[in-house]
């Protein structure tokens, strides 16, 4: 069974930074298109950023200039660098990835908690 594994969540003060990482369990499947979503308490899951298999990126407007999505194909990871974090960024962050370019199915990670508070 395919499993995406996220890491890097935690608690920071406003203005702080965190880096999230996502890979496949056992690195048995290559990540092609990848994305990060987040879900705050009482809110719907929302898109944070996407990256294609060739590195083309896209961001939701609130994250532009603060968040950077990247990929390391040698390590089979999709990463999210988050700077100048604010309390509104508090959420569970989920990795989403396509593992087969010939099929549209994507997979979700279990989520990692990011908490921003003073």
Protein backbone atom coordinates (compact mmCIF):
# COMPACT_ATOMS: atom_id res chain seq x y z
CA UNK A 1 0.00 0.00 0.00
CA UNK A 2 1.34 3.39 -1.00
CA UNK A 3 1.99 5.75 1.88
CA UNK A 4 3.14 9.35 1.89
CA UNK A 5 5.09 10.39 4.94
CA UNK A 6 5.35 14.01 6.10
CA UNK A 7 7.79 15.43 8.59
CA UNK A 8 8.92 18.78 9.94
CA UNK A 9 5.85 20.16 11.67
CA UNK A 10 5.98 21.75 15.09
CA UNK A 11 5.38 24.90 17.10
CA UNK A 12 6.96 28.27 16.38
CA UNK A 13 6.47 31.88 17.39
CA UNK A 14 5.11 34.43 14.93
CA UNK A 15 7.78 35.36 12.42
CA UNK A 16 9.44 31.98 12.71
CA UNK A 17 10.15 29.37 10.05
CA UNK A 18 9.53 25.69 9.49
CA UNK A 19 10.41 23.29 6.72
CA UNK A 20 8.11 20.41 5.87
CA UNK A 21 9.15 17.38 3.87
CA UNK A 22 7.18 14.63 2.16
CA UNK A 23 8.33 11.34 0.72
CA UNK A 24 6.95 7.90 0.04
CA UNK A 25 7.34 5.18 2.66
CA UNK A 26 10.32 3.09 1.72
CA UNK A 27 10.89 5.42 -1.23
CA UNK A 28 9.43 2.70 -3.41
CA UNK A 29 7.42 5.08 -5.58
CA UNK A 30 8.68 8.21 -7.27
CA UNK A 31 6.83 11.47 -6.62
CA UNK A 32 5.81 13.20 -9.84
CA UNK A 33 3.47 16.17 -9.34
CA UNK A 34 3.31 17.20 -5.70
CA UNK A 35 1.36 19.64 -3.57
CA UNK A 36 0.83 20.86 -0.04
CA UNK A 37 -2.59 21.55 1.44
CA UNK A 38 -3.59 22.69 4.89
CA UNK A 39 -6.65 22.50 7.06
CA UNK A 40 -7.23 24.79 10.01
CA UNK A 41 -9.72 23.89 12.77
CA UNK A 42 -13.28 24.44 11.58
CA UNK A 43 -12.19 25.28 8.04
CA UNK A 44 -12.05 23.44 4.75
CA UNK A 45 -8.82 22.02 3.42
CA UNK A 46 -7.12 24.57 1.17
CA UNK A 47 -4.34 24.46 -1.38
CA UNK A 48 -1.00 25.91 -0.30
CA UNK A 49 1.31 25.25 -3.24
CA UNK A 50 1.95 22.86 -6.11
CA UNK A 51 5.01 21.67 -8.00
CA UNK A 52 5.08 19.70 -11.21
CA UNK A 53 7.42 16.86 -12.05
CA UNK A 54 9.67 19.33 -13.85
CA UNK A 55 9.67 21.91 -11.07
CA UNK A 56 7.03 24.40 -12.13
CA UNK A 57 5.51 25.91 -9.00
CA UNK A 58 2.27 27.65 -8.11
CA UNK A 59 1.13 29.23 -4.85
CA UNK A 60 -2.07 30.30 -3.23
CA UNK A 61 -2.07 34.08 -2.88
CA UNK A 62 -1.69 34.24 0.95
CA UNK A 63 1.50 32.15 0.73
CA UNK A 64 3.24 34.02 -2.08
CA UNK A 65 6.53 35.49 -0.93
CA UNK A 66 6.54 33.55 2.35
CA UNK A 67 6.37 29.88 1.35
CA UNK A 68 8.58 28.03 -1.11
CA UNK A 69 7.78 24.58 -2.50
CA UNK A 70 10.65 22.56 -3.90
CA UNK A 71 11.60 19.04 -4.82
CA UNK A 72 14.68 16.89 -4.42
CA UNK A 73 14.42 14.05 -6.91
CA UNK A 74 17.56 12.38 -5.58
CA UNK A 75 15.86 12.04 -2.19
CA UNK A 76 12.36 11.66 -3.67
CA UNK A 77 11.00 14.49 -1.53
CA UNK A 78 8.69 17.45 -1.96
CA UNK A 79 9.44 20.18 0.54
CA UNK A 80 7.73 23.29 1.85
CA UNK A 81 9.82 26.07 3.36
CA UNK A 82 7.60 28.38 5.40
CA UNK A 83 8.94 31.75 6.53
CA UNK A 84 7.41 34.59 8.52
CA UNK A 85 4.78 32.28 9.90
CA UNK A 86 1.72 33.88 11.46
CA UNK A 87 -1.00 32.53 13.75
CA UNK A 88 -3.34 32.20 10.76
CA UNK A 89 -0.92 29.63 9.34
CA UNK A 90 -1.77 27.27 12.18
CA UNK A 91 -3.18 24.12 10.60
CA UNK A 92 -2.56 20.51 9.77
CA UNK A 93 -0.48 20.43 6.60
CA UNK A 94 -0.99 17.57 4.15
CA UNK A 95 1.18 16.34 1.33
CA UNK A 96 -0.55 15.25 -1.87
CA UNK A 97 1.28 13.57 -4.71
CA UNK A 98 0.87 11.78 -8.00
CA UNK A 99 3.01 8.68 -8.24
CA UNK A 100 2.15 7.58 -11.78
CA UNK A 101 2.22 10.07 -14.66
CA UNK A 102 -0.07 7.78 -16.69
CA UNK A 103 -2.82 7.85 -14.06
CA UNK A 104 -4.55 10.83 -12.41
CA UNK A 105 -4.80 9.27 -8.94
CA UNK A 106 -3.11 11.15 -6.13
CA UNK A 107 -2.25 10.09 -2.61
CA UNK A 108 -2.44 11.89 0.71
CA UNK A 109 -0.13 11.90 3.69
CA UNK A 110 -1.38 11.66 7.25
CA UNK A 111 -0.76 15.32 7.94
CA UNK A 112 1.64 17.20 10.18
CA UNK A 113 0.63 19.84 12.71
CA UNK A 114 1.99 23.38 12.44
CA UNK A 115 1.20 25.71 15.32
CA UNK A 116 2.14 29.38 15.36
CA UNK A 117 1.62 31.19 18.63
CA UNK A 118 3.39 33.49 21.03
